Structures are given as C-alpha cells and as structure tokens.
PDB file of N, CA and C in Angstrom:
ATOM      1  N   MET A   1     108.044  25.654  80.445  1.00  0.00           N
ATOM      2  CA  MET A   1     106.580  26.513  81.124  1.00  0.00           C
ATOM      3  C   MET A   1     105.998  26.160  82.013  1.00  0.00           C
ATOM      4  N   HIS A   2     106.308  27.415  83.309  1.00  0.00           N
ATOM      5  CA  HIS A   2     105.272  26.435  84.745  1.00  0.00           C
ATOM      6  C   HIS A   2     104.360  27.296  84.674  1.00  0.00           C
ATOM      7  N   TRP A   3     103.740  26.647  84.841  1.00  0.00           N
ATOM      8  CA  TRP A   3     101.690  27.094  84.930  1.00  0.00           C
ATOM      9  C   TRP A   3     101.559  27.363  85.878  1.00  0.00           C
ATOM     10  N   HIS A   4     101.121  28.385  86.863  1.00  0.00           N
ATOM     11  CA  HIS A   4     100.558  28.732  88.010  1.00  0.00           C
ATOM     12  C   HIS A   4      99.410  28.193  87.952  1.00  0.00           C
ATOM     13  N   GLY A   5      98.622  27.192  89.215  1.00  0.00           N
ATOM     14  CA  GLY A   5      97.940  26.396  89.700  1.00  0.00           C
ATOM     15  C   GLY A   5      97.984  25.428  88.939  1.00  0.00           C
ATOM     16  N   GLY A   6      98.327  24.657  89.847  1.00  0.00           N
ATOM     17  CA  GLY A   6      97.612  23.173  89.588  1.00  0.00           C
ATOM     18  C   GLY A   6      99.286  22.610  89.330  1.00  0.00           C
ATOM     19  N   GLY A   7     100.484  23.456  89.540  1.00  0.00           N
ATOM     20  CA  GLY A   7     102.297  23.208  89.599  1.00  0.00           C
ATOM     21  C   GLY A   7     102.053  22.336  87.750  1.00  0.00           C
ATOM     22  N   ARG A   8     101.366  22.511  87.281  1.00  0.00           N
ATOM     23  CA  ARG A   8     102.129  21.882  85.453  1.00  0.00           C
ATOM     24  C   ARG A   8     103.138  22.750  84.550  1.00  0.00           C
ATOM     25  N   SER A   9     103.751  21.751  84.332  1.00  0.00           N
ATOM     26  CA  SER A   9     104.836  22.490  83.479  1.00  0.00           C
ATOM     27  C   SER A   9     105.004  21.854  82.368  1.00  0.00           C
ATOM     28  N   GLU A  10     105.318  22.434  80.960  1.00  0.00           N
ATOM     29  CA  GLU A  10     105.970  22.004  79.670  1.00  0.00           C
ATOM     30  C   GLU A  10     106.648  22.041  79.014  1.00  0.00           C
ATOM     31  N   GLN A  11     107.217  21.307  78.754  1.00  0.00           N
ATOM     32  CA  GLN A  11     108.208  21.569  77.869  1.00  0.00           C
ATOM     33  C   GLN A  11     107.452  21.807  75.803  1.00  0.00           C
ATOM     34  N   SER A  12     108.845  22.497  75.071  1.00  0.00           N
ATOM     35  CA  SER A  12     108.645  22.747  73.909  1.00  0.00           C
ATOM     36  C   SER A  12     109.732  22.162  73.447  1.00  0.00           C
ATOM     37  N   TRP A  13     109.632  21.757  71.814  1.00  0.00           N
ATOM     38  CA  TRP A  13     111.214  21.245  71.707  1.00  0.00           C
ATOM     39  C   TRP A  13     110.609  21.096  70.023  1.00  0.00           C
ATOM     40  N   SER A  14     112.104  21.254  69.220  1.00  0.00           N
ATOM     41  CA  SER A  14     111.646  21.385  67.978  1.00  0.00           C
ATOM     42  C   SER A  14     110.983  20.527  67.339  1.00  0.00           C
ATOM     43  N   LEU A  15     110.387  19.878  65.921  1.00  0.00           N
ATOM     44  CA  LEU A  15     110.378  18.714  65.367  1.00  0.00           C
ATOM     45  C   LEU A  15     111.860  17.562  65.338  1.00  0.00           C
ATOM     46  N   PRO A  16     111.741  16.305  64.808  1.00  0.00           N
ATOM     47  CA  PRO A  16     112.965  16.140  64.592  1.00  0.00           C
ATOM     48  C   PRO A  16     113.283  16.038  63.830  1.00  0.00           C
ATOM     49  N   HIS A  17     112.151  15.935  62.836  1.00  0.00           N
ATOM     50  CA  HIS A  17     112.356  15.780  61.268  1.00  0.00           C
ATOM     51  C   HIS A  17     111.669  17.724  59.843  1.00  0.00           C
ATOM     52  N   VAL A  18     112.477  18.155  60.140  1.00  0.00           N
ATOM     53  CA  VAL A  18     112.098  19.500  59.446  1.00  0.00           C
ATOM     54  C   VAL A  18     112.441  19.039  57.874  1.00  0.00           C
ATOM     55  N   PRO A  19     111.114  19.035  57.479  1.00  0.00           N
ATOM     56  CA  PRO A  19     111.656  19.084  54.956  1.00  0.00           C
ATOM     57  C   PRO A  19     112.892  20.104  55.292  1.00  0.00           C
ATOM     58  N   GLY A  20     112.956  20.055  53.707  1.00  0.00           N
ATOM     59  CA  GLY A  20     114.364  21.360  54.151  1.00  0.00           C
ATOM     60  C   GLY A  20     115.948  21.073  54.191  1.00  0.00           C
ATOM     61  N   ALA A  21     116.602  21.551  53.625  1.00  0.00           N
ATOM     62  CA  ALA A  21     118.342  22.204  54.146  1.00  0.00           C
ATOM     63  C   ALA A  21     118.220  22.232  55.419  1.00  0.00           C
ATOM     64  N   ARG A  22     119.031  21.739  55.862  1.00  0.00           N
ATOM     65  CA  ARG A  22     119.447  22.248  57.561  1.00  0.00           C
ATOM     66  C   ARG A  22     120.762  23.720  57.017  1.00  0.00           C
ATOM     67  N   PHE A  23     119.971  24.584  58.463  1.00  0.00           N
ATOM     68  CA  PHE A  23     120.882  25.674  58.341  1.00  0.00           C
ATOM     69  C   PHE A  23     122.665  25.335  58.599  1.00  0.00           C
ATOM     70  N   GLY A  24     122.367  23.578  60.054  1.00  0.00           N
ATOM     71  CA  GLY A  24     123.935  23.417  60.244  1.00  0.00           C
ATOM     72  C   GLY A  24     123.931  24.198  61.438  1.00  0.00           C
ATOM     73  N   GLY A  25     124.969  23.512  62.757  1.00  0.00           N
ATOM     74  CA  GLY A  25     124.713  24.287  64.172  1.00  0.00           C
ATOM     75  C   GLY A  25     125.992  25.156  64.205  1.00  0.00           C
ATOM     76  N   SER A  26     126.586  25.023  63.174  1.00  0.00           N
ATOM     77  CA  SER A  26     128.024  25.662  63.463  1.00  0.00           C
ATOM     78  C   SER A  26     128.229  26.473  62.144  1.00  0.00           C
ATOM     79  N   LYS A  27     127.557  26.732  61.778  1.00  0.00           N
ATOM     80  CA  LYS A  27     127.543  28.567  61.284  1.00  0.00           C
ATOM     81  C   LYS A  27     126.874  29.673  62.550  1.00  0.00           C
ATOM     82  N   PRO A  28     127.755  30.746  62.103  1.00  0.00           N
ATOM     83  CA  PRO A  28     126.836  31.934  63.020  1.00  0.00           C
ATOM     84  C   PRO A  28     126.095  32.352  62.747  1.00  0.00           C
ATOM     85  N   LEU A  29     125.313  32.786  63.707  1.00  0.00           N
ATOM     86  CA  LEU A  29     124.035  32.789  63.521  1.00  0.00           C
ATOM     87  C   LEU A  29     124.091  34.684  64.153  1.00  0.00           C
ATOM     88  N   TYR A  30     123.869  35.163  64.204  1.00  0.00           N
ATOM     89  CA  TYR A  30     122.889  36.934  64.331  1.00  0.00           C
ATOM     90  C   TYR A  30     121.825  37.123  64.704  1.00  0.00           C
ATOM     91  N   VAL A  31     121.560  37.566  66.593  1.00  0.00           N
ATOM     92  CA  VAL A  31     120.534  38.068  66.157  1.00  0.00           C
ATOM     93  C   VAL A  31     120.019  39.218  66.544  1.00  0.00           C
ATOM     94  N   LEU A  32     119.187  40.464  65.648  1.00  0.00           N
ATOM     95  CA  LEU A  32     119.063  41.538  66.229  1.00  0.00           C
ATOM     96  C   LEU A  32     118.533  42.040  66.512  1.00  0.00           C
ATOM     97  N   SER A  33     117.840  42.692  67.961  1.00  0.00           N
ATOM     98  CA  SER A  33     117.392  42.992  68.649  1.00  0.00           C
ATOM     99  C   SER A  33     117.392  45.159  69.258  1.00  0.00           C
ATOM    100  N   SER A  34     116.488  45.504  69.569  1.00  0.00           N
ATOM    101  CA  SER A  34     116.403  46.741  70.168  1.00  0.00           C
ATOM    102  C   SER A  34     115.290  46.722  70.829  1.00  0.00           C
ATOM    103  N   ASP A  35     114.572  47.957  72.328  1.00  0.00           N
ATOM    104  CA  ASP A  35     113.443  48.039  72.412  1.00  0.00           C
ATOM    105  C   ASP A  35     112.013  47.923  72.527  1.00  0.00           C
ATOM    106  N   SER A  36     112.298  47.114  71.551  1.00  0.00           N
ATOM    107  CA  SER A  36     111.097  46.953  70.715  1.00  0.00           C
ATOM    108  C   SER A  36     110.787  45.245  70.904  1.00  0.00           C
ATOM    109  N   THR A  37     111.733  44.823  71.268  1.00  0.00           N
ATOM    110  CA  THR A  37     111.601  43.854  71.433  1.00  0.00           C
ATOM    111  C   THR A  37     110.649  43.181  72.157  1.00  0.00           C
ATOM    112  N   PHE A  38     109.853  41.549  72.056  1.00  0.00           N
ATOM    113  CA  PHE A  38     108.904  41.506  73.089  1.00  0.00           C
ATOM    114  C   PHE A  38     108.770  40.134  72.592  1.00  0.00           C
ATOM    115  N   SER A  39     108.149  39.660  74.284  1.00  0.00           N
ATOM    116  CA  SER A  39     107.699  38.013  73.455  1.00  0.00           C
ATOM    117  C   SER A  39     108.221  36.779  73.212  1.00  0.00           C
ATOM    118  N   ALA A  40     107.343  36.583  72.513  1.00  0.00           N
ATOM    119  CA  ALA A  40     108.132  35.462  71.788  1.00  0.00           C
ATOM    120  C   ALA A  40     108.969  35.683  71.342  1.00  0.00           C
ATOM    121  N   ALA A  41     109.634  36.838  70.366  1.00  0.00           N
ATOM    122  CA  ALA A  41     111.035  37.518  69.834  1.00  0.00           C
ATOM    123  C   ALA A  41     112.094  37.740  70.694  1.00  0.00           C
ATOM    124  N   GLU A  42     111.685  37.901  71.796  1.00  0.00           N
ATOM    125  CA  GLU A  42     112.760  37.475  73.091  1.00  0.00           C
ATOM    126  C   GLU A  42     112.728  36.272  73.764  1.00  0.00           C
ATOM    127  N   GLU A  43     112.386  35.262  73.670  1.00  0.00           N
ATOM    128  CA  GLU A  43     112.133  33.542  73.663  1.00  0.00           C
ATOM    129  C   GLU A  43     112.997  33.386  72.902  1.00  0.00           C
ATOM    130  N   LEU A  44     112.839  33.917  71.170  1.00  0.00           N
ATOM    131  CA  LEU A  44     114.032  33.065  70.340  1.00  0.00           C
ATOM    132  C   LEU A  44     115.073  33.453  70.455  1.00  0.00           C
ATOM    133  N   ALA A  45     115.783  34.820  70.679  1.00  0.00           N
ATOM    134  CA  ALA A  45     116.597  35.511  71.167  1.00  0.00           C
ATOM    135  C   ALA A  45     117.498  35.000  72.497  1.00  0.00           C
ATOM    136  N   TYR A  46     116.952  35.090  73.395  1.00  0.00           N
ATOM    137  CA  TYR A  46     117.525  34.393  74.212  1.00  0.00           C
ATOM    138  C   TYR A  46     117.782  33.186  74.900  1.00  0.00           C
ATOM    139  N   ASP A  47     116.908  31.941  74.327  1.00  0.00           N
ATOM    140  CA  ASP A  47     117.104  30.621  74.573  1.00  0.00           C
ATOM    141  C   ASP A  47     117.924  30.135  73.206  1.00  0.00           C
ATOM    142  N   LEU A  48     118.344  31.335  72.068  1.00  0.00           N
ATOM    143  CA  LEU A  48     119.364  31.108  71.414  1.00  0.00           C
ATOM    144  C   LEU A  48     121.076  31.804  72.135  1.00  0.00           C
ATOM    145  N   GLN A  49     120.520  32.805  72.403  1.00  0.00           N
ATOM    146  CA  GLN A  49     121.875  33.222  73.568  1.00  0.00           C
ATOM    147  C   GLN A  49     122.343  32.243  74.180  1.00  0.00           C
ATOM    148  N   GLN A  50     121.326  31.438  75.757  1.00  0.00           N
ATOM    149  CA  GLN A  50     121.685  30.591  76.019  1.00  0.00           C
ATOM    150  C   GLN A  50     122.535  29.723  75.890  1.00  0.00           C
ATOM    151  N   LEU A  51     122.243  28.854  74.905  1.00  0.00           N
ATOM    152  CA  LEU A  51     122.473  27.867  74.405  1.00  0.00           C
ATOM    153  C   LEU A  51     123.683  27.963  73.795  1.00  0.00           C
ATOM    154  N   GLY A  52     124.468  29.438  73.540  1.00  0.00           N
ATOM    155  CA  GLY A  52     125.560  29.369  72.891  1.00  0.00           C
ATOM    156  C   GLY A  52     125.319  29.177  71.238  1.00  0.00           C
ATOM    157  N   ARG A  53     124.451  29.817  70.864  1.00  0.00           N
ATOM    158  CA  ARG A  53     123.680  29.316  68.861  1.00  0.00           C
ATOM    159  C   ARG A  53     123.961  30.104  69.050  1.00  0.00           C
ATOM    160  N   ALA A  54     123.916  31.539  69.550  1.00  0.00           N
ATOM    161  CA  ALA A  54     123.901  33.044  67.956  1.00  0.00           C
ATOM    162  C   ALA A  54     124.173  34.340  69.357  1.00  0.00           C
ATOM    163  N   VAL A  55     124.127  35.337  68.745  1.00  0.00           N
ATOM    164  CA  VAL A  55     125.356  36.375  69.343  1.00  0.00           C
ATOM    165  C   VAL A  55     124.493  37.147  69.123  1.00  0.00           C
ATOM    166  N   VAL A  56     124.006  38.177  69.899  1.00  0.00           N
ATOM    167  CA  VAL A  56     122.495  38.794  70.544  1.00  0.00           C
ATOM    168  C   VAL A  56     123.157  40.165  70.251  1.00  0.00           C
ATOM    169  N   VAL A  57     122.521  41.112  68.452  1.00  0.00           N
ATOM    170  CA  VAL A  57     123.649  42.201  68.593  1.00  0.00           C
ATOM    171  C   VAL A  57     122.250  43.443  68.704  1.00  0.00           C
ATOM    172  N   GLY A  58     122.292  44.608  69.590  1.00  0.00           N
ATOM    173  CA  GLY A  58     121.426  45.608  69.839  1.00  0.00           C
ATOM    174  C   GLY A  58     121.139  46.288  70.478  1.00  0.00           C
ATOM    175  N   LYS A  59     119.958  46.740  70.937  1.00  0.00           N
ATOM    176  CA  LYS A  59     119.456  46.863  72.521  1.00  0.00           C
ATOM    177  C   LYS A  59     118.559  45.977  73.004  1.00  0.00           C
ATOM    178  N   ARG A  60     118.650  46.786  74.369  1.00  0.00           N
ATOM    179  CA  ARG A  60     118.438  45.357  75.698  1.00  0.00           C
ATOM    180  C   ARG A  60     117.127  45.213  75.049  1.00  0.00           C
ATOM    181  N   THR A  61     115.834  44.024  75.515  1.00  0.00           N
ATOM    182  CA  THR A  61     114.878  43.871  74.705  1.00  0.00           C
ATOM    183  C   THR A  61     114.117  44.682  75.448  1.00  0.00           C
ATOM    184  N   ARG A  62     112.907  44.280  75.612  1.00  0.00           N
ATOM    185  CA  ARG A  62     111.277  44.836  77.226  1.00  0.00           C
ATOM    186  C   ARG A  62     111.218  44.334  78.418  1.00  0.00           C
ATOM    187  N   GLY A  63     111.427  42.591  77.970  1.00  0.00           N
ATOM    188  CA  GLY A  63     111.275  42.160  79.321  1.00  0.00           C
ATOM    189  C   GLY A  63     110.068  41.351  79.074  1.00  0.00           C
ATOM    190  N   GLY A  64     109.191  40.715  78.112  1.00  0.00           N
ATOM    191  CA  GLY A  64     107.911  40.334  78.507  1.00  0.00           C
ATOM    192  C   GLY A  64     107.929  38.552  78.550  1.00  0.00           C
ATOM    193  N   ALA A  65     107.992  38.355  79.438  1.00  0.00           N
ATOM    194  CA  ALA A  65     108.484  37.063  79.585  1.00  0.00           C
ATOM    195  C   ALA A  65     107.035  35.441  79.977  1.00  0.00           C
ATOM    196  N   HIS A  66     106.658  36.495  80.731  1.00  0.00           N
ATOM    197  CA  HIS A  66     105.071  35.561  81.504  1.00  0.00           C
ATOM    198  C   HIS A  66     104.376  35.312  80.636  1.00  0.00           C
ATOM    199  N   PRO A  67     103.705  34.309  80.254  1.00  0.00           N
ATOM    200  CA  PRO A  67     101.917  34.347  79.577  1.00  0.00           C
ATOM    201  C   PRO A  67     101.312  34.906  80.454  1.00  0.00           C
ATOM    202  N   CYS A  68     100.010  35.995  79.282  1.00  0.00           N
ATOM    203  CA  CYS A  68      99.011  36.356  80.944  1.00  0.00           C
ATOM    204  C   CYS A  68      98.211  36.593  80.070  1.00  0.00           C
ATOM    205  N   GLN A  69      96.975  36.552  81.214  1.00  0.00           N
ATOM    206  CA  GLN A  69      95.467  36.301  80.974  1.00  0.00           C
ATOM    207  C   GLN A  69      94.755  37.605  80.787  1.00  0.00           C
ATOM    208  N   GLY A  70      94.052  38.018  80.060  1.00  0.00           N
ATOM    209  CA  GLY A  70      93.302  38.673  80.694  1.00  0.00           C
ATOM    210  C   GLY A  70      91.770  39.157  81.153  1.00  0.00           C
ATOM    211  N   TRP A  71      90.879  39.450  81.568  1.00  0.00           N
ATOM    212  CA  TRP A  71      89.377  39.446  82.365  1.00  0.00           C
ATOM    213  C   TRP A  71      88.917  41.184  81.692  1.00  0.00           C
ATOM    214  N   THR A  72      87.906  41.104  81.275  1.00  0.00           N
ATOM    215  CA  THR A  72      87.041  42.379  80.676  1.00  0.00           C
ATOM    216  C   THR A  72      86.417  42.681  82.427  1.00  0.00           C
ATOM    217  N   VAL A  73      86.591  44.041  83.539  1.00  0.00           N
ATOM    218  CA  VAL A  73      85.986  43.384  83.906  1.00  0.00           C
ATOM    219  C   VAL A  73      84.993  44.824  84.350  1.00  0.00           C
ATOM    220  N   HIS A  74      85.348  45.630  83.240  1.00  0.00           N
ATOM    221  CA  HIS A  74      84.535  46.838  82.767  1.00  0.00           C
ATOM    222  C   HIS A  74      84.671  47.252  80.985  1.00  0.00           C
ATOM    223  N   PRO A  75      83.525  47.406  80.586  1.00  0.00           N
ATOM    224  CA  PRO A  75      84.180  48.062  79.127  1.00  0.00           C
ATOM    225  C   PRO A  75      84.943  48.321  79.150  1.00  0.00           C
ATOM    226  N   HIS A  76      85.436  49.552  79.753  1.00  0.00           N
ATOM    227  CA  HIS A  76      86.804  50.573  79.162  1.00  0.00           C
ATOM    228  C   HIS A  76      87.695  49.741  80.712  1.00  0.00           C
ATOM    229  N   LEU A  77      87.838  48.698  80.975  1.00  0.00           N
ATOM    230  CA  LEU A  77      88.898  47.619  81.602  1.00  0.00           C
ATOM    231  C   LEU A  77      89.128  46.473  82.304  1.00  0.00           C
ATOM    232  N   GLU A  78      90.228  46.611  81.831  1.00  0.00           N
ATOM    233  CA  GLU A  78      90.661  45.058  81.768  1.00  0.00           C
ATOM    234  C   GLU A  78      91.661  44.118  82.890  1.00  0.00           C
ATOM    235  N   ALA A  79      91.874  43.587  83.684  1.00  0.00           N
ATOM    236  CA  ALA A  79      92.980  42.630  84.349  1.00  0.00           C
ATOM    237  C   ALA A  79      93.983  41.834  83.726  1.00  0.00           C
ATOM    238  N   THR A  80      94.748  42.253  83.718  1.00  0.00           N
ATOM    239  CA  THR A  80      95.713  41.129  82.979  1.00  0.00           C
ATOM    240  C   THR A  80      96.614  40.655  84.330  1.00  0.00           C
ATOM    241  N   VAL A  81      96.754  39.125  84.378  1.00  0.00           N
ATOM    242  CA  VAL A  81      97.658  38.479  84.717  1.00  0.00           C
ATOM    243  C   VAL A  81      98.154  37.713  84.501  1.00  0.00           C
ATOM    244  N   PRO A  82      99.747  37.350  85.103  1.00  0.00           N
ATOM    245  CA  PRO A  82     100.598  36.324  84.646  1.00  0.00           C
ATOM    246  C   PRO A  82      99.896  35.330  85.257  1.00  0.00           C
ATOM    247  N   VAL A  83      99.849  34.128  84.064  1.00  0.00           N
ATOM    248  CA  VAL A  83      99.288  32.763  84.335  1.00  0.00           C
ATOM    249  C   VAL A  83     100.389  31.928  84.016  1.00  0.00           C
ATOM    250  N   GLY A  84     101.908  32.189  83.968  1.00  0.00           N
ATOM    251  CA  GLY A  84     103.071  31.240  83.865  1.00  0.00           C
ATOM    252  C   GLY A  84     104.126  31.723  83.984  1.00  0.00           C
ATOM    253  N   ARG A  85     105.378  31.175  83.889  1.00  0.00           N
ATOM    254  CA  ARG A  85     106.447  31.486  84.326  1.00  0.00           C
ATOM    255  C   ARG A  85     107.187  30.777  83.711  1.00  0.00           C
ATOM    256  N   ALA A  86     108.238  31.607  82.660  1.00  0.00           N
ATOM    257  CA  ALA A  86     108.878  30.649  80.851  1.00  0.00           C
ATOM    258  C   ALA A  86     110.449  30.227  82.223  1.00  0.00           C
ATOM    259  N   VAL A  87     110.802  29.027  81.617  1.00  0.00           N
ATOM    260  CA  VAL A  87     112.142  29.145  82.524  1.00  0.00           C
ATOM    261  C   VAL A  87     113.226  28.357  81.530  1.00  0.00           C
ATOM    262  N   ASN A  88     113.686  28.855  81.622  1.00  0.00           N
ATOM    263  CA  ASN A  88     114.968  28.089  80.359  1.00  0.00           C
ATOM    264  C   ASN A  88     116.137  27.134  80.906  1.00  0.00           C
ATOM    265  N   PRO A  89     116.326  26.594  80.169  1.00  0.00           N
ATOM    266  CA  PRO A  89     117.184  25.006  80.946  1.00  0.00           C
ATOM    267  C   PRO A  89     118.251  25.308  81.459  1.00  0.00           C
ATOM    268  N   VAL A  90     119.226  25.863  80.528  1.00  0.00           N
ATOM    269  CA  VAL A  90     120.463  25.998  80.532  1.00  0.00           C
ATOM    270  C   VAL A  90     120.985  27.094  81.713  1.00  0.00           C
ATOM    271  N   SER A  91     119.672  28.433  82.309  1.00  0.00           N
ATOM    272  CA  SER A  91     120.133  29.323  82.990  1.00  0.00           C
ATOM    273  C   SER A  91     118.666  29.549  84.399  1.00  0.00           C
ATOM    274  N   ARG A  92     117.707  28.146  83.792  1.00  0.00           N
ATOM    275  CA  ARG A  92     116.881  27.832  84.919  1.00  0.00           C
ATOM    276  C   ARG A  92     116.219  29.590  85.311  1.00  0.00           C
ATOM    277  N   THR A  93     116.316  30.551  84.609  1.00  0.00           N
ATOM    278  CA  THR A  93     115.377  31.972  84.650  1.00  0.00           C
ATOM    279  C   THR A  93     114.914  31.799  83.301  1.00  0.00           C
ATOM    280  N   ASN A  94     114.755  33.451  83.717  1.00  0.00           N
ATOM    281  CA  ASN A  94     113.798  34.167  82.045  1.00  0.00           C
ATOM    282  C   ASN A  94     114.362  35.532  81.682  1.00  0.00           C
ATOM    283  N   TRP A  95     113.556  36.285  80.838  1.00  0.00           N
ATOM    284  CA  TRP A  95     114.384  37.601  80.170  1.00  0.00           C
ATOM    285  C   TRP A  95     112.484  38.055  81.465  1.00  0.00           C
ATOM    286  N   GLU A  96     111.850  38.243  82.254  1.00  0.00           N
ATOM    287  CA  GLU A  96     111.028  38.700  82.738  1.00  0.00           C
ATOM    288  C   GLU A  96     111.606  40.173  83.201  1.00  0.00           C
ATOM    289  N   GLY A  97     111.123  41.516  82.412  1.00  0.00           N
ATOM    290  CA  GLY A  97     111.364  42.723  83.482  1.00  0.00           C
ATOM    291  C   GLY A  97     112.765  43.004  83.319  1.00  0.00           C
ATOM    292  N   ILE A  98     113.404  42.031  83.402  1.00  0.00           N
ATOM    293  CA  ILE A  98     115.198  42.936  82.900  1.00  0.00           C
ATOM    294  C   ILE A  98     115.421  43.068  80.923  1.00  0.00           C
ATOM    295  N   GLY A  99     113.968  41.769  80.505  1.00  0.00           N
ATOM    296  CA  GLY A  99     114.672  42.227  78.973  1.00  0.00           C
ATOM    297  C   GLY A  99     116.246  40.801  78.534  1.00  0.00           C
ATOM    298  N   VAL A 100     116.559  40.834  77.149  1.00  0.00           N
ATOM    299  CA  VAL A 100     117.386  40.065  77.038  1.00  0.00           C
ATOM    300  C   VAL A 100     118.810  40.897  76.521  1.00  0.00           C
ATOM    301  N   GLN A 101     119.820  41.007  77.507  1.00  0.00           N
ATOM    302  CA  GLN A 101     121.336  41.488  77.742  1.00  0.00           C
ATOM    303  C   GLN A 101     121.635  40.968  76.271  1.00  0.00           C
ATOM    304  N   PRO A 102     122.468  42.196  74.954  1.00  0.00           N
ATOM    305  CA  PRO A 102     122.740  41.829  73.870  1.00  0.00           C
ATOM    306  C   PRO A 102     124.066  41.376  74.880  1.00  0.00           C
ATOM    307  N   ASP A 103     124.884  40.422  73.800  1.00  0.00           N
ATOM    308  CA  ASP A 103     126.127  40.481  73.173  1.00  0.00           C
ATOM    309  C   ASP A 103     127.131  41.461  72.763  1.00  0.00           C
ATOM    310  N   VAL A 104     126.593  42.263  72.064  1.00  0.00           N
ATOM    311  CA  VAL A 104     127.638  43.034  71.862  1.00  0.00           C
ATOM    312  C   VAL A 104     126.612  44.664  71.304  1.00  0.00           C
ATOM    313  N   PRO A 105     126.098  45.479  72.643  1.00  0.00           N
ATOM    314  CA  PRO A 105     126.239  46.547  72.866  1.00  0.00           C
ATOM    315  C   PRO A 105     125.906  47.230  71.712  1.00  0.00           C
ATOM    316  N   CYS A 106     124.719  48.250  70.867  1.00  0.00           N
ATOM    317  CA  CYS A 106     124.461  48.906  69.979  1.00  0.00           C
ATOM    318  C   CYS A 106     123.347  49.718  69.464  1.00  0.00           C
ATOM    319  N   ALA A 107     123.853  50.517  68.920  1.00  0.00           N
ATOM    320  CA  ALA A 107     121.632  51.077  68.580  1.00  0.00           C
ATOM    321  C   ALA A 107     121.416  50.667  67.928  1.00  0.00           C
ATOM    322  N   ALA A 108     119.789  49.987  67.900  1.00  0.00           N
ATOM    323  CA  ALA A 108     118.384  49.717  67.033  1.00  0.00           C
ATOM    324  C   ALA A 108     119.389  49.766  65.766  1.00  0.00           C
ATOM    325  N   GLY A 109     119.531  51.135  65.306  1.00  0.00           N
ATOM    326  CA  GLY A 109     119.927  51.257  64.123  1.00  0.00           C
ATOM    327  C   GLY A 109     120.950  50.514  63.346  1.00  0.00           C
ATOM    328  N   ASP A 110     121.956  50.249  64.410  1.00  0.00           N
ATOM    329  CA  ASP A 110     123.200  49.554  63.554  1.00  0.00           C
ATOM    330  C   ASP A 110     123.224  47.956  63.925  1.00  0.00           C
ATOM    331  N   SER A 111     122.495  47.892  64.540  1.00  0.00           N
ATOM    332  CA  SER A 111     123.019  46.411  64.785  1.00  0.00           C
ATOM    333  C   SER A 111     122.738  45.238  63.977  1.00  0.00           C
ATOM    334  N   LEU A 112     122.476  45.907  62.731  1.00  0.00           N
ATOM    335  CA  LEU A 112     122.126  45.190  60.512  1.00  0.00           C
ATOM    336  C   LEU A 112     123.796  45.446  60.531  1.00  0.00           C
ATOM    337  N   ASP A 113     124.503  46.714  60.551  1.00  0.00           N
ATOM    338  CA  ASP A 113     126.091  46.933  60.211  1.00  0.00           C
ATOM    339  C   ASP A 113     125.994  45.796  61.245  1.00  0.00           C
ATOM    340  N   ARG A 114     126.320  46.334  62.611  1.00  0.00           N
ATOM    341  CA  ARG A 114     127.439  45.353  63.076  1.00  0.00           C
ATOM    342  C   ARG A 114     127.233  44.075  63.126  1.00  0.00           C
ATOM    343  N   ALA A 115     126.417  43.449  62.726  1.00  0.00           N
ATOM    344  CA  ALA A 115     126.254  42.051  62.413  1.00  0.00           C
ATOM    345  C   ALA A 115     126.844  41.554  61.338  1.00  0.00           C
ATOM    346  N   HIS A 116     126.046  42.336  60.393  1.00  0.00           N
ATOM    347  CA  HIS A 116     127.149  42.479  59.101  1.00  0.00           C
ATOM    348  C   HIS A 116     129.125  42.361  59.298  1.00  0.00           C
ATOM    349  N   ALA A 117     129.557  43.353  59.692  1.00  0.00           N
ATOM    350  CA  ALA A 117     130.585  43.596  60.060  1.00  0.00           C
ATOM    351  C   ALA A 117     131.020  41.835  60.691  1.00  0.00           C
ATOM    352  N   LEU A 118     130.518  42.058  61.959  1.00  0.00           N
ATOM    353  CA  LEU A 118     130.566  40.602  62.703  1.00  0.00           C
ATOM    354  C   LEU A 118     130.929  39.357  62.059  1.00  0.00           C
ATOM    355  N   ALA A 119     129.997  38.814  61.390  1.00  0.00           N
ATOM    356  CA  ALA A 119     129.632  38.233  60.042  1.00  0.00           C
ATOM    357  C   ALA A 119     131.203  38.254  59.229  1.00  0.00           C
ATOM    358  N   LEU A 120     131.282  39.204  58.467  1.00  0.00           N
ATOM    359  CA  LEU A 120     132.461  39.111  57.411  1.00  0.00           C
ATOM    360  C   LEU A 120     133.934  38.444  58.217  1.00  0.00           C
ATOM    361  N   ALA A 121     133.915  39.766  59.447  1.00  0.00           N
ATOM    362  CA  ALA A 121     135.210  39.490  60.632  1.00  0.00           C
ATOM    363  C   ALA A 121     135.580  37.619  60.742  1.00  0.00           C
ATOM    364  N   HIS A 122     134.269  37.232  61.096  1.00  0.00           N
ATOM    365  CA  HIS A 122     134.213  35.687  60.989  1.00  0.00           C
ATOM    366  C   HIS A 122     134.626  34.395  60.776  1.00  0.00           C
ATOM    367  N   LEU A 123     133.870  35.274  58.927  1.00  0.00           N
ATOM    368  CA  LEU A 123     134.188  34.639  57.073  1.00  0.00           C
ATOM    369  C   LEU A 123     136.298  34.390  57.474  1.00  0.00           C
ATOM    370  N   ALA A 124     136.787  35.981  57.227  1.00  0.00           N
ATOM    371  CA  ALA A 124     137.910  36.634  57.179  1.00  0.00           C
ATOM    372  C   ALA A 124     139.067  35.458  58.238  1.00  0.00           C
ATOM    373  N   GLY A 125     138.576  35.000  59.755  1.00  0.00           N
ATOM    374  CA  GLY A 125     139.266  34.610  60.022  1.00  0.00           C
ATOM    375  C   GLY A 125     139.838  35.028  61.554  1.00  0.00           C
TER     376      GLY A 125
END
C-alpha cells in the first residue's frame, strides 16, 4: 500500500505460522466474483489471480482498490477522498475503476456451477 502524504509504503504478509492443516499450494482454487464484489474481497481475488494461485470465475468486480477517508462537511454531506493506493507486487498496478477481470467470465448466478465443473474436470485429468 502506498499512502499519500509523506510517501509511506506498507507491505502485508501472511503469518509465517498458521495453526491447523495447510490447504496446499498446488490444489486448484476457484474464487467466485460478481458485480457486487468490492474492496477487500476484490483484493483477495486479484492477489490470488496475479499470483497464479486461483482461477476467478464470474462477473467483473466493482473496482474499489483505494482506501478512502471521509470527512463530514455538513450534517447531510460527507467528502470521501482516496488516501492511499494498493499496488500488487506482480502486476505493479491494481483493480481501481476497472475491477477484477474473471479468468472464466459467466453470469454471477452460474459461477458456482462453472467453478464446480472446472474442479471436476481438473480432478478427472
């Protein structure tokens, strides 16, 4: 994350030890998306997609990557301004304004069935 005002950058990492069984780095992973998928859910889909770790199935997401801060200007008005910019280390960009493009585009209501069919096909070889 690149924060505005001061040029501060911040990296996020998973913990080196996570209790419980590991899922494994080679098992197929499918992330369902829709035009309602937004913000942190988009980041998960985008990051897994960029790492080549998951196949995104469904509709293009809404495109909210930048963290924002709001200020009350009037009791009935708030100004919301981006205060940072998410930057993926693989793509060197993000999904702001364009959304996460699915690897397998389909209607959101069909995404679970499509992902299930892809998983079965993968298992069948």
